[in-house]
């Protein structure tokens, strides 16, 4: 019997607070990732996506950027599952409201490469 690993959503406020208080940070261009690894009760990576209201004021633009980030995470699902150990990961976009998906993709790939190292 094979266990099918998947990427889960990071929704719990306590876990999100834990990531920001005790986690490590990686940055690549406009995208940064805060993460905590090695929690014993977590069996798969939990990913959250955020766009600060300070950087992108309009909600529909923040939501669009979050959808783009989630789509990029899903498109790189296999690579993420083999590279990232179980833990809590929060991906943040810290750029301008006008953004191209290709730029976010390039920065996210840079984030994955810096996590490998």
C-alpha atoms as a PDB file:
ATOM      1  CA  UNK A   1       0.000   0.000   0.000  1.00  0.00           C
ATOM      2  CA  UNK A   2       1.434   3.354  -1.001  1.00  0.00           C
ATOM      3  CA  UNK A   3       0.864   6.524   0.972  1.00  0.00           C
ATOM      4  CA  UNK A   4      -0.226   9.368  -1.222  1.00  0.00           C
ATOM      5  CA  UNK A   5       1.445  12.538   0.017  1.00  0.00           C
ATOM      6  CA  UNK A   6      -0.096  15.860  -0.776  1.00  0.00           C
ATOM      7  CA  UNK A   7       0.295  19.535  -0.002  1.00  0.00           C
ATOM      8  CA  UNK A   8      -2.161  20.722   2.620  1.00  0.00           C
ATOM      9  CA  UNK A   9      -3.334  24.278   3.319  1.00  0.00           C
ATOM     10  CA  UNK A  10      -1.979  26.157   6.300  1.00  0.00           C
ATOM     11  CA  UNK A  11      -5.118  27.585   7.930  1.00  0.00           C
ATOM     12  CA  UNK A  12      -4.646  27.452  11.695  1.00  0.00           C
ATOM     13  CA  UNK A  13      -3.901  30.893  13.185  1.00  0.00           C
ATOM     14  CA  UNK A  14      -1.750  29.371  15.938  1.00  0.00           C
ATOM     15  CA  UNK A  15       0.402  27.582  13.354  1.00  0.00           C
ATOM     16  CA  UNK A  16       0.716  30.754  11.247  1.00  0.00           C
ATOM     17  CA  UNK A  17       1.783  32.726  14.324  1.00  0.00           C
ATOM     18  CA  UNK A  18       4.314  29.997  15.137  1.00  0.00           C
ATOM     19  CA  UNK A  19       5.816  30.296  11.644  1.00  0.00           C
ATOM     20  CA  UNK A  20       6.311  34.045  11.976  1.00  0.00           C
ATOM     21  CA  UNK A  21       7.607  33.959  15.572  1.00  0.00           C
ATOM     22  CA  UNK A  22       9.987  30.979  15.434  1.00  0.00           C
ATOM     23  CA  UNK A  23      10.509  30.279  11.748  1.00  0.00           C
ATOM     24  CA  UNK A  24      13.340  30.896   9.343  1.00  0.00           C
ATOM     25  CA  UNK A  25      13.055  33.132   6.278  1.00  0.00           C
ATOM     26  CA  UNK A  26      14.165  32.803   2.661  1.00  0.00           C
ATOM     27  CA  UNK A  27      13.794  35.568   0.073  1.00  0.00           C
ATOM     28  CA  UNK A  28      13.920  35.552  -3.688  1.00  0.00           C
ATOM     29  CA  UNK A  29      12.963  38.707  -5.514  1.00  0.00           C
ATOM     30  CA  UNK A  30       9.400  39.662  -4.629  1.00  0.00           C
ATOM     31  CA  UNK A  31       8.577  36.370  -2.906  1.00  0.00           C
ATOM     32  CA  UNK A  32       9.644  35.336   0.585  1.00  0.00           C
ATOM     33  CA  UNK A  33       8.997  32.176   2.562  1.00  0.00           C
ATOM     34  CA  UNK A  34       8.803  31.750   6.321  1.00  0.00           C
ATOM     35  CA  UNK A  35       9.003  28.158   7.485  1.00  0.00           C
ATOM     36  CA  UNK A  36       9.250  25.828  10.483  1.00  0.00           C
ATOM     37  CA  UNK A  37      10.273  22.204   9.917  1.00  0.00           C
ATOM     38  CA  UNK A  38      10.150  19.048  11.957  1.00  0.00           C
ATOM     39  CA  UNK A  39       6.891  19.239  13.891  1.00  0.00           C
ATOM     40  CA  UNK A  40       6.133  15.651  14.924  1.00  0.00           C
ATOM     41  CA  UNK A  41       2.366  15.829  14.448  1.00  0.00           C
ATOM     42  CA  UNK A  42       2.647  17.096  10.858  1.00  0.00           C
ATOM     43  CA  UNK A  43       2.955  14.397   8.193  1.00  0.00           C
ATOM     44  CA  UNK A  44       2.965  16.549   5.041  1.00  0.00           C
ATOM     45  CA  UNK A  45       3.995  20.092   4.135  1.00  0.00           C
ATOM     46  CA  UNK A  46       1.399  22.732   5.017  1.00  0.00           C
ATOM     47  CA  UNK A  47       1.545  25.782   2.720  1.00  0.00           C
ATOM     48  CA  UNK A  48      -0.076  29.151   3.266  1.00  0.00           C
ATOM     49  CA  UNK A  49      -0.077  32.092   0.884  1.00  0.00           C
ATOM     50  CA  UNK A  50      -0.298  35.750   1.837  1.00  0.00           C
ATOM     51  CA  UNK A  51      -0.160  39.195   0.300  1.00  0.00           C
ATOM     52  CA  UNK A  52       0.167  42.097   2.755  1.00  0.00           C
ATOM     53  CA  UNK A  53      -2.487  44.789   2.526  1.00  0.00           C
ATOM     54  CA  UNK A  54       0.313  47.320   2.975  1.00  0.00           C
ATOM     55  CA  UNK A  55       1.790  46.370  -0.421  1.00  0.00           C
ATOM     56  CA  UNK A  56      -1.423  45.698  -2.383  1.00  0.00           C
ATOM     57  CA  UNK A  57      -4.331  47.785  -1.125  1.00  0.00           C
ATOM     58  CA  UNK A  58      -7.160  46.471  -3.295  1.00  0.00           C
ATOM     59  CA  UNK A  59      -8.621  43.112  -2.265  1.00  0.00           C
ATOM     60  CA  UNK A  60      -9.287  41.825  -5.778  1.00  0.00           C
ATOM     61  CA  UNK A  61      -5.630  42.364  -6.694  1.00  0.00           C
ATOM     62  CA  UNK A  62      -4.430  40.605  -3.508  1.00  0.00           C
ATOM     63  CA  UNK A  63      -6.749  37.686  -4.238  1.00  0.00           C
ATOM     64  CA  UNK A  64      -5.491  37.455  -7.832  1.00  0.00           C
ATOM     65  CA  UNK A  65      -1.876  37.302  -6.671  1.00  0.00           C
ATOM     66  CA  UNK A  66      -2.764  34.639  -4.074  1.00  0.00           C
ATOM     67  CA  UNK A  67      -4.486  32.551  -6.763  1.00  0.00           C
ATOM     68  CA  UNK A  68      -1.386  32.848  -8.949  1.00  0.00           C
ATOM     69  CA  UNK A  69       0.877  31.733  -6.092  1.00  0.00           C
ATOM     70  CA  UNK A  70      -1.369  28.768  -5.259  1.00  0.00           C
ATOM     71  CA  UNK A  71      -1.407  27.730  -8.925  1.00  0.00           C
ATOM     72  CA  UNK A  72       2.393  27.877  -9.051  1.00  0.00           C
ATOM     73  CA  UNK A  73       2.634  25.759  -5.890  1.00  0.00           C
ATOM     74  CA  UNK A  74       0.256  23.167  -7.376  1.00  0.00           C
ATOM     75  CA  UNK A  75       2.130  23.097 -10.690  1.00  0.00           C
ATOM     76  CA  UNK A  76       5.381  22.318  -8.808  1.00  0.00           C
ATOM     77  CA  UNK A  77       3.701  19.850  -6.459  1.00  0.00           C
ATOM     78  CA  UNK A  78       5.984  16.872  -7.191  1.00  0.00           C
ATOM     79  CA  UNK A  79       9.155  18.917  -6.792  1.00  0.00           C
ATOM     80  CA  UNK A  80       7.871  20.440  -3.548  1.00  0.00           C
ATOM     81  CA  UNK A  81       6.867  17.083  -2.067  1.00  0.00           C
ATOM     82  CA  UNK A  82      10.281  15.540  -2.664  1.00  0.00           C
ATOM     83  CA  UNK A  83      12.288  18.609  -1.599  1.00  0.00           C
ATOM     84  CA  UNK A  84      10.348  20.077   1.327  1.00  0.00           C
ATOM     85  CA  UNK A  85      10.119  17.966   4.507  1.00  0.00           C
ATOM     86  CA  UNK A  86       6.905  18.006   6.558  1.00  0.00           C
ATOM     87  CA  UNK A  87       6.504  21.380   8.205  1.00  0.00           C
ATOM     88  CA  UNK A  88       4.768  24.742   8.091  1.00  0.00           C
ATOM     89  CA  UNK A  89       5.483  27.063   5.162  1.00  0.00           C
ATOM     90  CA  UNK A  90       4.104  30.556   4.541  1.00  0.00           C
ATOM     91  CA  UNK A  91       4.774  32.139   1.134  1.00  0.00           C
ATOM     92  CA  UNK A  92       4.445  35.931   0.968  1.00  0.00           C
ATOM     93  CA  UNK A  93       4.390  38.271  -2.008  1.00  0.00           C
ATOM     94  CA  UNK A  94       5.987  41.628  -1.242  1.00  0.00           C
ATOM     95  CA  UNK A  95       5.830  43.529  -4.492  1.00  0.00           C
ATOM     96  CA  UNK A  96       3.698  45.958  -6.421  1.00  0.00           C
ATOM     97  CA  UNK A  97       0.024  45.390  -7.311  1.00  0.00           C
ATOM     98  CA  UNK A  98       0.839  45.170 -11.017  1.00  0.00           C
ATOM     99  CA  UNK A  99       2.546  41.828 -11.441  1.00  0.00           C
ATOM    100  CA  UNK A 100       3.166  39.265 -14.153  1.00  0.00           C
ATOM    101  CA  UNK A 101       2.736  35.546 -13.467  1.00  0.00           C
ATOM    102  CA  UNK A 102       6.078  34.844 -15.129  1.00  0.00           C
ATOM    103  CA  UNK A 103       7.856  37.105 -12.644  1.00  0.00           C
ATOM    104  CA  UNK A 104       6.209  35.366  -9.677  1.00  0.00           C
ATOM    105  CA  UNK A 105       7.124  31.982 -11.182  1.00  0.00           C
ATOM    106  CA  UNK A 106      10.762  33.034 -11.620  1.00  0.00           C
ATOM    107  CA  UNK A 107      10.967  34.266  -8.025  1.00  0.00           C
ATOM    108  CA  UNK A 108       9.298  31.103  -6.702  1.00  0.00           C
ATOM    109  CA  UNK A 109      11.785  28.928  -8.591  1.00  0.00           C
ATOM    110  CA  UNK A 110      14.568  31.011  -7.040  1.00  0.00           C
ATOM    111  CA  UNK A 111      13.014  30.328  -3.658  1.00  0.00           C
ATOM    112  CA  UNK A 112      13.048  26.575  -4.326  1.00  0.00           C
ATOM    113  CA  UNK A 113      16.677  26.746  -5.469  1.00  0.00           C
ATOM    114  CA  UNK A 114      17.734  28.668  -2.348  1.00  0.00           C
ATOM    115  CA  UNK A 115      15.895  26.106  -0.188  1.00  0.00           C
ATOM    116  CA  UNK A 116      17.905  23.292  -1.820  1.00  0.00           C
ATOM    117  CA  UNK A 117      21.179  24.941  -0.813  1.00  0.00           C
END
